[in-house]
Every structure is written in structure tokens, then in C-alpha cells.
Amino acid sequence: MAENTTGLALLVINGVTNLPSSLVPSYEITRNTERSLDGTLYVDLVYQKEALEINWDYLSDSDFQQLKSSVNPKEVVQISYLNNDAKDYYVESIDATPFIIDDEIAWQAVQVKVVEV
């Protein structure tokens, strides 16, 4: 993984500092909506969960394997970013495109999507 020289912990997954190409936080909002007979809309906020889309433009095979082992889809992972407190997330997806460079496998367009538990 790339070395961070800024002192800012951009992304920490299960205690391991990573330096992704981009990190996009968003919020999943679940609502319960109903309309009464007179047309009035009633909206109840059920919950709001934080989601993260984490991207790397390029990873070596060893870095990709390390990333895959730290974001196991069968386990809850602990993530903090931009020096915020760590939260528990589940892994929604891991996507990557393999390619060969100098007779070695590497990975491009690596994307990990996680959602707060």
C-alpha cells in the first residue's frame, strides 16, 4: 500500500492504515412513508447508515491480497477515516480488474463498498 507522509490517517481498516485513491462517504436512509385518505404524507425515519465507497486506481497482487484478507465479507470490519472514531461496517462488495504487467498480476479499478452496521 502507498505510504502516507501527511500524518493524516486517511483510512484505517482493522488497525491497518491504507491510502486509497478516493474515499466517498454517503448515507443510506430508510424511511417508512404512508399517505392518509386526505393526501397527507407521513414519513418516519427508520434509520440512517453511513456507507463508504473506497477506491484504488492500482494495487500490486500482494497489496490486493492483503486488502481482501482485511475486508472479509463474512466478518464485520472496523474502519475509521480522516481521523474519525472507528465504526463497524459490513462489506457489501469488492470489485477489481486483474491485468498482467511485466509477467506479474496486478489489479486496477479496485473498489470496496461497505455499510455501517
Protein backbone atom coordinates (compact mmCIF):
# COMPACT_ATOMS: atom_id res chain seq x y z
CA MET A 1 0.00 0.00 0.00
CA ALA A 2 1.18 3.55 -0.60
CA GLU A 3 2.98 5.33 2.19
CA ASN A 4 1.18 8.21 3.86
CA THR A 5 3.53 11.10 4.64
CA THR A 6 0.86 13.62 5.70
CA GLY A 7 0.31 12.32 9.24
CA LEU A 8 -3.42 12.10 8.46
CA ALA A 9 -4.88 8.61 8.89
CA LEU A 10 -6.97 8.73 5.74
CA LEU A 11 -8.27 5.17 6.14
CA VAL A 12 -7.69 2.54 8.83
CA ILE A 13 -9.21 -0.91 8.29
CA ASN A 14 -8.97 -3.28 11.26
CA GLY A 15 -5.93 -1.35 12.53
CA VAL A 16 -4.07 -1.27 9.18
CA THR A 17 -3.54 2.16 7.60
CA ASN A 18 -4.36 2.38 3.89
CA LEU A 19 -4.02 5.17 1.37
CA PRO A 20 -6.81 4.82 -1.23
CA SER A 21 -7.08 6.87 -4.41
CA SER A 22 -10.51 8.09 -3.32
CA LEU A 23 -12.93 7.70 -0.44
CA VAL A 24 -16.59 8.62 -0.93
CA PRO A 25 -18.84 8.66 2.16
CA SER A 26 -22.61 8.64 1.69
CA TYR A 27 -25.69 7.87 3.76
CA GLU A 28 -28.32 5.21 3.26
CA ILE A 29 -31.60 6.46 4.63
CA THR A 30 -34.51 4.11 5.18
CA ARG A 31 -37.94 5.65 5.57
CA ASN A 32 -41.44 4.39 6.11
CA THR A 33 -43.94 6.56 4.22
CA GLU A 34 -47.73 6.46 4.20
CA ARG A 35 -50.47 8.72 2.83
CA SER A 36 -53.72 9.27 4.62
CA LEU A 37 -57.05 9.41 2.78
CA ASP A 38 -56.87 13.22 2.67
CA GLY A 39 -53.46 13.06 0.89
CA THR A 40 -51.27 13.97 3.87
CA LEU A 41 -47.88 12.28 3.65
CA TYR A 42 -46.45 10.80 6.85
CA VAL A 43 -42.74 9.99 6.85
CA ASP A 44 -40.96 8.06 9.61
CA LEU A 45 -37.17 7.88 9.51
CA VAL A 46 -36.37 4.26 10.31
CA TYR A 47 -32.57 4.58 10.29
CA GLN A 48 -29.63 6.30 8.66
CA LYS A 49 -26.44 4.33 7.99
CA GLU A 50 -23.14 5.56 6.67
CA ALA A 51 -21.78 3.89 3.53
CA LEU A 52 -18.26 4.18 2.15
CA GLU A 53 -17.01 3.60 -1.37
CA ILE A 54 -13.23 3.11 -1.24
CA ASN A 55 -11.24 3.10 -4.49
CA TRP A 56 -7.66 2.33 -5.50
CA ASP A 57 -6.53 3.03 -9.06
CA TYR A 58 -3.87 0.31 -8.89
CA LEU A 59 -2.73 -2.35 -6.39
CA SER A 60 0.01 -4.94 -6.65
CA ASP A 61 -1.14 -8.52 -6.17
CA SER A 62 0.32 -8.69 -2.65
CA ASP A 63 -1.42 -5.44 -1.65
CA PHE A 64 -4.70 -6.67 -3.14
CA GLN A 65 -4.46 -9.99 -1.28
CA GLN A 66 -3.73 -8.11 1.96
CA LEU A 67 -6.75 -5.87 1.34
CA LYS A 68 -9.01 -8.87 0.62
CA SER A 69 -7.94 -10.57 3.83
CA SER A 70 -8.61 -7.42 5.89
CA VAL A 71 -12.11 -6.86 4.45
CA ASN A 72 -13.52 -10.37 4.68
CA PRO A 73 -17.19 -10.24 3.58
CA LYS A 74 -18.06 -12.84 6.25
CA GLU A 75 -16.91 -10.60 9.09
CA VAL A 76 -17.65 -7.14 10.43
CA VAL A 77 -14.72 -4.80 9.84
CA GLN A 78 -13.74 -1.80 11.92
CA ILE A 79 -12.99 1.30 9.84
CA SER A 80 -12.02 4.85 10.67
CA TYR A 81 -11.25 7.56 8.17
CA LEU A 82 -9.99 11.13 8.31
CA ASN A 83 -9.09 10.54 11.97
CA ASN A 84 -12.74 9.92 12.95
CA ASP A 85 -13.71 7.34 15.56
CA ALA A 86 -13.78 3.76 14.30
CA LYS A 87 -17.15 2.26 13.36
CA ASP A 88 -18.22 -1.25 12.46
CA TYR A 89 -19.10 -1.92 8.80
CA TYR A 90 -20.11 -4.91 6.75
CA VAL A 91 -18.62 -5.47 3.31
CA GLU A 92 -21.16 -5.06 0.54
CA SER A 93 -18.81 -5.75 -2.38
CA ILE A 94 -15.20 -5.99 -3.53
CA ASP A 95 -14.57 -5.35 -7.23
CA ALA A 96 -11.30 -5.29 -9.18
CA THR A 97 -9.96 -5.85 -12.66
CA PRO A 98 -6.85 -8.03 -12.98
CA PHE A 99 -4.16 -7.33 -15.55
CA ILE A 100 -0.65 -8.55 -16.33
CA ILE A 101 2.32 -6.21 -16.18
CA ASP A 102 5.92 -7.43 -16.52
CA ASP A 103 4.72 -11.05 -16.24
CA GLU A 104 3.08 -10.36 -12.87
CA ILE A 105 -0.57 -9.97 -11.97
CA ALA A 106 -1.77 -6.61 -10.67
CA TRP A 107 -5.18 -5.09 -10.01
CA GLN A 108 -6.75 -1.90 -11.28
CA ALA A 109 -10.02 -0.10 -10.51
CA VAL A 110 -10.20 -1.74 -7.09
CA GLN A 111 -13.40 -0.78 -5.26
CA VAL A 112 -14.65 -1.79 -1.82
CA LYS A 113 -18.14 -0.82 -0.70
CA VAL A 114 -19.01 -1.03 3.00
CA VAL A 115 -22.09 -0.08 5.01
CA GLU A 116 -22.24 0.80 8.70
CA VAL A 117 -23.65 -1.94 10.92
